N, C-alpha and C. Protein backbone atom coordinates (compact mmCIF):
# COMPACT_ATOMS: atom_id res chain seq x y z
N MET A 1 15.24 -1.35 -3.58
CA MET A 1 15.47 -0.14 -2.84
C MET A 1 16.97 0.15 -2.75
N LYS A 2 17.75 -0.90 -2.78
CA LYS A 2 19.21 -0.74 -2.69
C LYS A 2 19.74 0.03 -3.90
N MET A 3 19.09 -0.12 -5.07
CA MET A 3 19.53 0.57 -6.26
C MET A 3 19.37 2.09 -6.10
N PHE A 4 18.32 2.53 -5.42
CA PHE A 4 18.09 3.95 -5.22
C PHE A 4 18.85 4.51 -4.03
N ARG A 5 19.19 3.66 -3.08
CA ARG A 5 19.92 4.10 -1.90
C ARG A 5 21.14 3.20 -1.66
N PRO A 6 22.12 3.25 -2.57
CA PRO A 6 23.30 2.39 -2.41
C PRO A 6 24.16 2.78 -1.20
N ASP A 7 23.90 3.95 -0.65
CA ASP A 7 24.66 4.40 0.51
C ASP A 7 24.25 3.70 1.80
N LEU A 8 23.13 3.00 1.78
CA LEU A 8 22.64 2.32 2.98
C LEU A 8 22.76 0.81 2.83
N GLU A 9 23.07 0.15 3.92
CA GLU A 9 23.22 -1.31 3.92
C GLU A 9 21.90 -2.01 3.63
N ASN A 10 20.87 -1.67 4.38
CA ASN A 10 19.54 -2.26 4.22
C ASN A 10 18.49 -1.15 4.19
N PRO A 11 18.29 -0.51 3.05
CA PRO A 11 17.32 0.60 2.99
C PRO A 11 15.89 0.12 3.21
N THR A 12 15.12 0.95 3.86
CA THR A 12 13.71 0.67 4.13
C THR A 12 12.84 1.46 3.16
N ALA A 13 11.54 1.25 3.25
CA ALA A 13 10.61 1.99 2.40
C ALA A 13 10.70 3.48 2.68
N ASP A 14 10.90 3.86 3.93
CA ASP A 14 11.04 5.28 4.27
C ASP A 14 12.30 5.87 3.65
N ASP A 15 13.38 5.11 3.61
CA ASP A 15 14.62 5.57 2.96
C ASP A 15 14.40 5.74 1.47
N MET A 16 13.66 4.83 0.89
CA MET A 16 13.36 4.89 -0.54
C MET A 16 12.48 6.10 -0.86
N ALA A 17 11.56 6.42 0.02
CA ALA A 17 10.65 7.55 -0.21
C ALA A 17 11.42 8.86 -0.36
N VAL A 18 12.46 9.02 0.41
CA VAL A 18 13.26 10.24 0.33
C VAL A 18 13.88 10.37 -1.06
N ALA A 19 14.42 9.28 -1.59
CA ALA A 19 15.03 9.31 -2.92
C ALA A 19 13.97 9.45 -4.01
N ALA A 20 12.84 8.78 -3.84
CA ALA A 20 11.79 8.78 -4.86
C ALA A 20 11.11 10.14 -4.99
N GLN A 21 11.09 10.93 -3.93
CA GLN A 21 10.45 12.24 -4.00
C GLN A 21 11.10 13.14 -5.04
N HIS A 22 12.35 12.92 -5.35
CA HIS A 22 13.05 13.73 -6.33
C HIS A 22 12.63 13.41 -7.76
N MET A 23 11.89 12.33 -7.95
CA MET A 23 11.43 11.94 -9.28
C MET A 23 10.05 12.50 -9.61
N HIS A 24 9.40 13.11 -8.64
CA HIS A 24 8.03 13.60 -8.82
C HIS A 24 7.96 15.11 -8.64
N VAL A 25 6.92 15.69 -9.18
CA VAL A 25 6.65 17.11 -8.96
C VAL A 25 5.97 17.29 -7.60
N LEU A 26 5.07 16.38 -7.27
CA LEU A 26 4.38 16.43 -5.98
C LEU A 26 5.27 15.82 -4.89
N PRO A 27 5.14 16.27 -3.66
CA PRO A 27 6.02 15.80 -2.59
C PRO A 27 5.59 14.44 -2.01
N VAL A 28 5.59 13.40 -2.86
CA VAL A 28 5.27 12.05 -2.41
C VAL A 28 6.36 11.10 -2.89
N GLY A 29 6.53 10.01 -2.17
CA GLY A 29 7.53 9.04 -2.57
C GLY A 29 7.08 8.21 -3.76
N TRP A 30 5.81 7.83 -3.76
CA TRP A 30 5.26 7.02 -4.84
C TRP A 30 3.75 7.13 -4.83
N VAL A 31 3.14 6.67 -5.90
CA VAL A 31 1.69 6.64 -6.02
C VAL A 31 1.20 5.35 -5.36
N GLU A 32 0.23 5.47 -4.52
CA GLU A 32 -0.33 4.31 -3.83
C GLU A 32 -1.33 3.59 -4.73
N THR A 33 -1.59 2.32 -4.43
CA THR A 33 -2.54 1.55 -5.24
C THR A 33 -3.94 2.15 -5.20
N GLU A 34 -4.32 2.73 -4.07
CA GLU A 34 -5.66 3.33 -4.00
C GLU A 34 -5.78 4.58 -4.88
N ASP A 35 -4.66 5.24 -5.18
CA ASP A 35 -4.70 6.37 -6.10
C ASP A 35 -5.06 5.89 -7.51
N ILE A 36 -4.50 4.78 -7.92
CA ILE A 36 -4.84 4.20 -9.23
C ILE A 36 -6.29 3.73 -9.22
N SER A 37 -6.70 3.07 -8.14
CA SER A 37 -8.08 2.59 -8.03
C SER A 37 -9.07 3.74 -8.08
N ASN A 38 -8.76 4.85 -7.42
CA ASN A 38 -9.65 6.02 -7.46
C ASN A 38 -9.77 6.58 -8.87
N ALA A 39 -8.69 6.57 -9.63
CA ALA A 39 -8.75 7.05 -11.01
C ALA A 39 -9.63 6.13 -11.85
N VAL A 40 -9.49 4.83 -11.65
CA VAL A 40 -10.31 3.86 -12.38
C VAL A 40 -11.78 4.03 -12.01
N LEU A 41 -12.06 4.19 -10.73
CA LEU A 41 -13.45 4.39 -10.30
C LEU A 41 -14.03 5.67 -10.88
N PHE A 42 -13.22 6.72 -10.95
CA PHE A 42 -13.69 7.97 -11.55
C PHE A 42 -14.05 7.76 -13.02
N LEU A 43 -13.17 7.07 -13.75
CA LEU A 43 -13.43 6.84 -15.17
C LEU A 43 -14.64 5.94 -15.39
N ALA A 44 -14.95 5.07 -14.44
CA ALA A 44 -16.10 4.19 -14.55
C ALA A 44 -17.39 4.86 -14.07
N SER A 45 -17.28 6.04 -13.49
CA SER A 45 -18.45 6.72 -12.94
C SER A 45 -19.12 7.64 -13.96
N ASP A 46 -20.30 8.10 -13.62
CA ASP A 46 -21.01 9.06 -14.48
C ASP A 46 -20.30 10.41 -14.54
N GLU A 47 -19.47 10.70 -13.57
CA GLU A 47 -18.74 11.98 -13.54
C GLU A 47 -17.78 12.12 -14.72
N SER A 48 -17.38 11.03 -15.31
CA SER A 48 -16.43 11.09 -16.43
C SER A 48 -17.12 10.88 -17.78
N ARG A 49 -18.42 11.09 -17.86
CA ARG A 49 -19.18 10.77 -19.07
C ARG A 49 -18.73 11.54 -20.31
N TYR A 50 -18.09 12.68 -20.16
CA TYR A 50 -17.64 13.46 -21.31
C TYR A 50 -16.15 13.30 -21.60
N ILE A 51 -15.51 12.42 -20.89
CA ILE A 51 -14.08 12.17 -21.12
C ILE A 51 -13.94 11.04 -22.12
N THR A 52 -13.28 11.33 -23.25
CA THR A 52 -13.07 10.31 -24.27
C THR A 52 -11.65 10.42 -24.81
N GLY A 53 -11.03 9.30 -25.05
CA GLY A 53 -9.73 9.26 -25.70
C GLY A 53 -8.64 10.04 -25.01
N LEU A 54 -8.63 10.04 -23.71
CA LEU A 54 -7.66 10.82 -22.95
C LEU A 54 -6.82 9.90 -22.07
N PRO A 55 -5.50 9.97 -22.20
CA PRO A 55 -4.70 9.18 -21.26
C PRO A 55 -4.69 9.88 -19.90
N LEU A 56 -5.04 9.15 -18.88
CA LEU A 56 -5.06 9.69 -17.53
C LEU A 56 -3.83 9.18 -16.81
N THR A 57 -2.86 10.03 -16.65
CA THR A 57 -1.60 9.65 -16.02
C THR A 57 -1.67 9.93 -14.53
N VAL A 58 -1.54 8.89 -13.75
CA VAL A 58 -1.54 9.02 -12.29
C VAL A 58 -0.12 8.68 -11.83
N ASP A 59 0.73 9.71 -11.78
CA ASP A 59 2.16 9.47 -11.51
C ASP A 59 2.80 10.54 -10.63
N ALA A 60 2.00 11.34 -9.97
CA ALA A 60 2.50 12.40 -9.08
C ALA A 60 3.38 13.40 -9.79
N GLY A 61 3.20 13.51 -11.10
CA GLY A 61 3.92 14.50 -11.87
C GLY A 61 5.27 14.07 -12.40
N SER A 62 5.60 12.78 -12.34
CA SER A 62 6.92 12.36 -12.81
C SER A 62 7.07 12.50 -14.32
N MET A 63 5.99 12.48 -15.08
CA MET A 63 6.07 12.67 -16.54
C MET A 63 6.41 14.11 -16.90
N LEU A 64 6.25 15.03 -15.96
CA LEU A 64 6.56 16.44 -16.21
C LEU A 64 8.05 16.74 -16.09
N LYS A 65 8.78 15.85 -15.45
CA LYS A 65 10.22 16.09 -15.25
C LYS A 65 11.02 15.57 -16.41
């Protein structure tokens, strides 16, 4: 966290979130583990039966920047 917030002596996760939001299109600091798990569960479900050969990027839009 110090690398992203060198202006602070001991940056916290909340301090890091402010800096990380600038790396994403969506207004979030980072993608949570449950977001990845939900994507995996979707791909394992019948709802994704017609999805083939598609990379599913769960990154809050950081690949768009």
